[in-house]
Protein backbone atom coordinates (compact mmCIF):
# COMPACT_ATOMS: atom_id res chain seq x y z
CA UNK A 1 -34.23 30.78 -3.17
CA UNK A 2 -34.14 33.65 -0.97
CA UNK A 3 -36.95 34.03 1.40
CA UNK A 4 -38.32 37.52 2.35
CA UNK A 5 -35.45 38.36 4.70
CA UNK A 6 -32.64 38.22 2.80
CA UNK A 7 -31.70 34.19 3.72
CA UNK A 8 -31.43 31.17 2.03
CA UNK A 9 -33.77 28.90 2.70
CA UNK A 10 -32.82 25.42 4.10
CA UNK A 11 -33.42 23.43 1.19
CA UNK A 12 -31.06 25.14 -0.70
CA UNK A 13 -28.74 25.15 2.29
CA UNK A 14 -28.81 21.04 2.26
CA UNK A 15 -28.32 21.04 -1.35
CA UNK A 16 -25.33 23.14 -1.07
CA UNK A 17 -24.16 20.63 1.82
CA UNK A 18 -24.89 17.44 -0.45
CA UNK A 19 -23.18 18.74 -3.74
CA UNK A 20 -20.21 20.07 -2.04
CA UNK A 21 -19.78 16.79 -0.01
CA UNK A 22 -19.93 14.83 -3.57
CA UNK A 23 -17.48 17.35 -5.10
CA UNK A 24 -15.30 16.31 -2.03
CA UNK A 25 -15.76 12.66 -1.96
CA UNK A 26 -15.11 12.33 -5.55
CA UNK A 27 -11.99 14.11 -5.50
CA UNK A 28 -10.46 12.14 -2.83
CA UNK A 29 -11.72 8.76 -4.71
CA UNK A 30 -10.13 9.99 -7.73
CA UNK A 31 -6.79 10.59 -6.16
CA UNK A 32 -6.79 7.44 -4.45
CA UNK A 33 -7.32 5.72 -7.95
CA UNK A 34 -4.42 7.63 -9.32
CA UNK A 35 -2.28 7.05 -6.56
CA UNK A 36 -2.73 3.04 -6.72
CA UNK A 37 -2.09 3.40 -10.48
CA UNK A 38 1.29 5.21 -9.83
CA UNK A 39 2.17 2.43 -7.06
CA UNK A 40 1.42 -0.50 -9.16
CA UNK A 41 3.45 0.76 -11.83
CA UNK A 42 6.29 1.38 -9.18
CA UNK A 43 5.79 -2.06 -7.95
CA UNK A 44 6.02 -3.30 -11.37
CA UNK A 45 8.90 -1.73 -12.33
CA UNK A 46 10.92 -2.65 -9.25
CA UNK A 47 10.28 -6.15 -9.27
CA UNK A 48 10.73 -6.59 -13.06
CA UNK A 49 13.89 -8.82 -12.59
CA UNK A 50 13.64 -9.76 -9.00
CA UNK A 51 14.96 -13.09 -8.84
CA UNK A 52 14.15 -14.32 -5.08
CA UNK A 53 16.69 -16.80 -5.56
CA UNK A 54 19.76 -14.49 -5.67
CA UNK A 55 21.45 -13.51 -2.56
CA UNK A 56 21.44 -10.35 -1.59
CA UNK A 57 25.33 -9.68 -2.02
CA UNK A 58 27.46 -7.56 -3.68
CA UNK A 59 30.31 -10.03 -3.92
CA UNK A 60 28.73 -13.79 -4.24
CA UNK A 61 31.98 -15.29 -3.16
CA UNK A 62 31.30 -13.67 0.48
CA UNK A 63 28.98 -15.59 2.65
CA UNK A 64 25.89 -14.18 3.90
CA UNK A 65 25.56 -14.06 7.89
CA UNK A 66 21.74 -15.18 8.77
CA UNK A 67 20.41 -14.87 12.40
CA UNK A 68 17.71 -16.79 13.49
CA UNK A 69 15.22 -15.40 15.58
CA UNK A 70 12.63 -17.69 15.88
CA UNK A 71 11.83 -21.04 14.30
CA UNK A 72 8.22 -20.89 13.64
CA UNK A 73 7.86 -24.48 12.14
CA UNK A 74 9.41 -27.64 11.21
CA UNK A 75 7.99 -30.11 8.90
CA UNK A 76 9.73 -32.96 9.21
CA UNK A 77 8.18 -34.88 6.40
CA UNK A 78 9.17 -32.20 3.58
CA UNK A 79 12.39 -31.52 5.33
CA UNK A 80 11.24 -27.77 5.50
CA UNK A 81 12.24 -25.38 8.53
CA UNK A 82 10.11 -22.22 8.66
CA UNK A 83 11.95 -19.20 10.67
CA UNK A 84 11.87 -15.63 11.62
CA UNK A 85 15.35 -14.74 10.88
CA UNK A 86 17.68 -11.25 9.97
CA UNK A 87 20.18 -11.09 7.21
CA UNK A 88 23.19 -8.88 7.72
CA UNK A 89 24.52 -8.23 4.46
């Protein structure tokens, strides 16, 4: 709506602001959903044949050097040691 002096009314401006905010929020939400799908697909592709029991070395005859940074917990009954470690491979 245009008032007598040629300016848009306040309600029209508020409606325009609301619609433009809605369009911007929708565009951001859609891009996040698309990025999440691509991220998930990448993760699945990278981890498809991953085996966490394999040693991270090119030559299996060479030993892996492990540096213990911190012993977090020792479960003597189950014989498990929880550590903060750094692998050098």
